[in-house]
Protein backbone atom coordinates (compact mmCIF):
# COMPACT_ATOMS: atom_id res chain seq x y z
CA MET A 1 -0.05 0.00 -0.02
CA ILE A 2 1.24 3.47 -0.83
CA LYS A 3 1.48 5.65 2.22
CA LYS A 4 1.25 9.35 1.05
CA ALA A 5 0.23 12.55 2.87
CA THR A 6 -0.50 15.72 0.94
CA VAL A 7 -1.26 19.07 2.55
CA LEU A 8 -2.50 22.11 0.71
CA PHE A 9 -2.13 25.43 2.44
CA LEU A 10 -4.34 28.27 1.22
CA GLY A 11 -1.93 31.00 2.15
CA MET A 12 -3.35 34.14 3.84
CA LEU A 13 -6.85 32.72 3.91
CA GLY A 14 -5.70 30.77 6.87
CA LEU A 15 -7.23 27.42 5.63
CA ALA A 16 -5.41 24.24 5.47
CA PHE A 17 -6.49 20.58 5.00
CA GLY A 18 -4.66 17.31 4.64
CA TYR A 19 -5.59 13.97 3.15
CA LEU A 20 -4.12 10.53 2.73
CA TRP A 21 -3.95 8.53 -0.49
CA ALA A 22 -4.19 4.76 -0.19
CA VAL A 23 -3.67 3.56 -3.26
CA GLY A 24 14.57 20.28 -2.03
CA GLY A 25 26.54 24.96 -4.03
CA PHE A 26 24.65 22.37 -6.48
CA SER A 27 26.66 19.69 -8.19
CA SER A 28 27.52 19.51 -11.90
CA ILE A 29 24.25 17.69 -12.75
CA PRO A 30 22.03 19.92 -14.78
CA THR A 31 18.82 21.41 -13.34
CA GLN A 32 15.44 20.52 -14.58
CA VAL A 33 13.62 21.76 -17.67
CA ALA A 34 9.95 22.61 -17.36
CA TYR A 35 7.38 19.79 -16.77
CA ALA A 36 4.35 19.24 -18.96
CA ALA A 37 0.86 19.82 -17.54
CA THR A 38 0.16 16.10 -17.36
CA MET A 39 2.22 12.96 -17.06
CA PRO A 40 3.79 11.91 -20.38
CA ALA A 41 2.84 8.60 -21.93
CA THR A 42 6.42 7.48 -21.25
CA PRO A 43 7.72 9.02 -18.01
CA ASN A 44 11.49 9.72 -17.80
CA ILE A 45 12.69 7.00 -15.43
CA ILE A 46 16.44 6.31 -14.94
CA TYR A 47 18.16 3.57 -13.04
CA LEU A 48 21.64 4.21 -11.74
CA GLY A 49 23.69 1.45 -10.20
CA ALA A 50 25.79 -1.65 -10.68
CA PRO A 51 24.35 -3.98 -13.26
CA GLU A 52 24.69 -6.94 -10.92
CA SER A 53 22.33 -5.26 -8.48
CA LEU A 54 19.47 -6.36 -10.91
CA THR A 55 18.70 -9.72 -12.05
CA PRO A 56 18.75 -10.16 -15.94
CA GLU A 57 14.94 -10.66 -15.82
CA ILE A 58 14.44 -7.34 -13.89
CA SER A 59 16.88 -5.54 -16.22
CA ALA A 60 14.85 -6.84 -19.25
CA MET A 61 11.57 -5.78 -17.69
CA MET A 62 12.92 -2.30 -16.88
CA ARG A 63 14.04 -1.87 -20.63
CA LYS A 64 10.73 -3.20 -21.88
CA ASN A 65 8.91 -0.57 -19.80
CA ASN A 66 11.13 2.23 -21.10
CA MET A 67 13.17 2.66 -17.98
CA GLU A 68 16.67 3.78 -18.86
CA LEU A 69 19.58 1.90 -17.36
CA GLY A 70 22.01 4.85 -17.01
CA GLY A 71 25.06 3.41 -15.44
CA SER A 72 26.95 5.12 -12.61
CA TRP A 73 26.03 8.36 -10.74
CA ARG A 74 29.11 10.07 -12.08
CA ASN A 75 28.16 9.32 -15.66
CA PHE A 76 24.65 10.61 -15.04
CA ALA A 77 26.23 13.78 -13.54
CA GLN A 78 27.75 14.57 -16.94
CA ASP A 79 24.48 13.99 -18.87
CA GLN A 80 22.35 16.86 -20.12
CA LEU A 81 18.74 15.93 -19.34
CA ALA A 82 16.77 16.65 -22.52
CA ARG A 83 13.42 16.25 -20.68
CA PRO A 84 12.29 16.43 -17.18
CA LEU A 85 13.29 13.69 -14.86
CA ASP A 86 10.22 11.90 -13.31
CA ALA A 87 11.88 9.14 -11.29
CA LEU A 88 15.45 8.13 -10.25
CA ILE A 89 16.19 4.61 -9.17
CA PHE A 90 19.54 3.70 -7.60
CA ASP A 91 21.41 1.12 -5.48
CA ASN A 92 24.12 1.37 -2.85
CA SER A 93 26.90 1.81 -5.43
CA ALA A 94 25.28 5.03 -6.64
CA LEU A 95 24.80 6.25 -3.09
CA GLN A 96 28.50 5.73 -2.40
CA GLU A 97 29.42 7.99 -5.36
CA MET A 98 27.43 10.88 -4.13
CA ASN A 99 28.97 13.81 -2.20
CA ALA A 100 27.36 16.53 -0.10
CA GLU A 101 26.69 18.71 -3.20
CA ASP A 102 25.01 15.76 -4.87
CA HIS A 103 22.79 15.33 -1.82
CA HIS A 104 21.74 19.01 -1.96
CA TRP A 105 21.08 18.66 -5.66
CA LEU A 106 18.95 15.52 -5.26
CA ARG A 107 16.95 17.09 -2.44
CA GLY A 108 16.15 19.95 -4.74
CA ARG A 109 14.94 17.55 -7.45
CA LEU A 110 12.94 15.55 -4.85
CA GLU A 111 11.08 18.76 -3.97
CA ASP A 112 10.68 19.49 -7.70
CA GLY A 113 8.72 16.27 -7.93
CA VAL A 114 11.27 13.59 -8.84
CA ILE A 115 10.31 10.29 -7.31
CA VAL A 116 13.32 8.47 -5.85
CA VAL A 117 13.62 4.74 -5.43
CA GLY A 118 16.25 2.88 -3.51
CA ILE A 119 16.92 -0.81 -4.32
CA GLY A 120 18.63 -2.91 -1.72
CA VAL A 121 20.01 0.24 -0.08
CA ASN A 122 21.12 1.17 3.40
CA LEU A 123 18.16 3.36 4.50
CA GLU A 124 20.29 5.76 6.56
CA LYS A 125 22.46 6.47 3.49
CA PHE A 126 19.43 6.70 1.33
CA ALA A 127 17.94 9.40 3.66
CA ASN A 128 21.36 11.14 3.69
CA SER A 129 21.39 11.32 -0.09
CA LEU A 130 18.25 13.43 0.25
CA ASP A 131 19.82 15.75 2.81
CA LEU A 132 17.89 14.02 5.58
CA ASP A 133 19.40 12.65 8.83
CA SER A 134 16.78 9.83 8.82
CA PHE A 135 13.42 8.80 7.58
CA TYR A 136 12.39 8.84 11.20
CA PHE A 137 10.70 5.53 11.08
CA PRO A 138 9.15 4.60 14.49
CA GLY A 139 10.43 1.96 16.80
CA ASN A 140 12.95 -0.65 15.72
CA ALA A 141 12.91 0.22 12.02
CA ARG A 142 14.98 -1.78 9.52
CA VAL A 143 18.42 -0.46 8.60
CA SER A 144 18.83 -1.97 5.13
CA LEU A 145 16.79 -3.51 2.33
CA GLU A 146 17.42 -6.93 0.85
CA PRO A 147 18.89 -6.89 -2.71
CA GLN A 148 15.54 -7.08 -4.53
CA GLU A 149 13.57 -4.94 -2.11
CA TYR A 150 12.85 -1.28 -2.87
CA MET A 151 11.66 1.87 -1.21
CA ILE A 152 9.79 4.45 -3.23
CA PHE A 153 9.92 7.96 -1.71
CA THR A 154 8.38 11.30 -2.57
CA GLY A 155 8.84 14.69 -1.03
CA PHE A 156 7.14 17.12 -3.36
CA LEU A 157 6.91 20.80 -2.65
CA ALA A 158 4.96 23.34 -4.80
CA GLY A 159 4.12 27.02 -4.42
CA THR A 160 5.56 30.45 -5.23
CA ALA A 161 9.32 30.83 -5.02
CA GLU A 162 8.95 33.01 -1.91
CA ASP A 163 6.70 30.50 -0.07
CA VAL A 164 8.80 27.54 -1.17
CA ALA A 165 11.84 29.28 0.37
CA VAL A 166 9.91 29.74 3.67
CA LEU A 167 8.91 26.14 3.81
CA ARG A 168 12.38 24.88 3.05
CA ALA A 169 13.88 27.15 5.68
CA ASN A 170 11.44 25.67 8.22
CA ASN A 171 12.38 22.07 7.34
CA TRP A 172 8.85 21.14 6.12
CA LEU A 173 9.89 17.69 5.00
CA GLU A 174 11.64 16.65 8.25
CA ARG A 175 8.61 17.98 10.15
CA SER A 176 6.29 15.96 8.12
CA LEU A 177 8.37 12.81 8.47
CA LYS A 178 8.38 13.25 12.18
CA GLY A 179 4.66 13.71 12.31
CA GLU A 180 5.09 17.31 13.60
CA ASP A 181 2.87 20.33 12.78
CA THR A 182 3.58 21.61 9.28
CA SER A 183 1.37 24.65 9.58
CA ILE A 184 4.27 27.04 8.92
CA PRO A 185 3.42 30.78 9.24
CA GLY A 186 4.26 33.27 6.65
CA ILE A 187 2.82 31.41 3.63
CA LYS A 188 1.08 33.93 1.38
CA PHE A 189 -0.28 31.80 -1.53
CA PRO A 190 -1.48 28.20 -1.96
CA ALA A 191 1.38 25.67 -1.44
CA ILE A 192 1.39 21.90 -1.61
CA MET A 193 3.66 19.65 0.58
CA SER A 194 3.45 16.00 -0.24
CA GLN A 195 5.52 13.14 1.21
CA GLY A 196 5.07 9.38 1.09
CA GLN A 197 6.76 6.14 0.75
CA GLN A 198 6.18 2.47 -0.21
CA PHE A 199 8.11 -0.64 0.30
CA GLY A 200 8.03 -3.81 -1.83
CA SER A 201 10.05 -6.44 -3.69
CA PHE A 202 10.34 -7.39 -7.29
CA ASN A 203 11.74 -10.89 -7.32
CA ASP A 204 9.45 -11.87 -10.15
CA ALA A 205 7.25 -10.44 -12.93
CA ASP A 206 4.29 -9.97 -10.66
CA GLY A 207 6.40 -8.08 -8.14
CA PHE A 208 7.80 -5.88 -10.87
CA GLY A 209 4.32 -5.23 -12.20
CA ARG A 210 3.27 -4.00 -8.76
CA PHE A 211 6.38 -1.83 -8.58
CA GLN A 212 5.68 -0.28 -11.89
CA ARG A 213 2.13 0.53 -11.14
CA SER A 214 2.99 2.04 -7.83
CA LEU A 215 5.82 4.05 -9.31
CA THR A 216 3.43 5.35 -12.06
CA GLU A 217 0.80 6.32 -9.41
CA PHE A 218 3.40 8.34 -7.51
CA ILE A 219 4.50 10.11 -10.74
CA ASP A 220 0.99 10.81 -11.92
CA GLY A 221 0.03 12.06 -8.48
CA THR A 222 2.89 14.51 -8.51
CA TYR A 223 1.69 15.94 -11.86
CA GLN A 224 -1.82 16.27 -10.51
CA ASP A 225 -0.48 18.01 -7.39
CA ARG A 226 1.66 20.42 -9.47
CA ALA A 227 -1.43 21.22 -11.69
CA ASP A 228 -3.71 21.66 -8.73
CA ASN A 229 -1.31 24.12 -7.03
CA ALA A 230 -0.80 26.13 -10.25
CA LYS A 231 -4.61 26.37 -10.53
CA ALA A 232 -5.03 27.32 -6.85
CA ILE A 233 -2.40 30.11 -7.19
CA ALA A 234 -3.95 31.43 -10.35
CA ASN A 235 -7.42 31.53 -8.75
CA PHE A 236 -6.14 32.94 -5.39
CA PRO A 237 -7.81 36.23 -4.51
CA LYS A 238 -5.53 39.14 -5.43
CA ARG A 239 -4.82 41.72 -2.73
C-alpha cells in the first residue's frame, strides 16, 4: 500500500487541510527543464547502479517498460537531461558515489517532484542522499533492504518561490516525516507539501508489475498536485 500524505495550504486565507492517498553549491548535474501539464505517456525514469544489483529478468523488464539503465552516478552527472526527470532509481553503489553537493542537488529535485527509489539500499544512507538525517521510522525500524527490495519515496513541494523558500527554511519535510505540525506561518499563497513512501520487492514479474504500477501512481499524483497548485495560485484572491 502506498502511504502518502498531501497538505495544501491556502496562504493568507488561513485554511489548510490534509488527506491520505491509499492507493529540496549544487553539483554539476544539470537542473530541470519545465514539466508538462500532465504525465507523459512514457515518463522519464532512470536507473543508476551496478548491473549486478538487478537480475537479468528485472533488467529486461525495466528496458521493456522504457526505464533507462543509465550506469553510474558520475556518468549521470555529466548528462544533459533533454526532458524532465520523473523518477530516479539507484542502489548502494550510486549512493557511495554521491557527495554533499549531490545530496543537496537531489533534495532539490525531490522537492521539484522527482520520485526516488532505493533498491537494496542502506536506509540511513538513502536518507542522507536526500539531505535528511533519517526517515524517522518509528520503533525498531529496519536498517537496510534486501537486494531485490525497494523503497519508493516522494517529497514534493509546490508554491511560489517566496513561499517555497519559507517552507524549506522551516524544514517542512523533516517536520512532516516526524509527524510534527507543518502549519508554517508566513505562507502567502497556496502551497502543496506531499511526502510518502512504499516498500516492496520485485523478485518476479508480478512483483515488478506492482512496482511499476505504484511508481506510475506516484509520478501521476505529482503531476496532478503540481497542476492543482498552479490552478490554486491562479485563482487565489488578489490583494
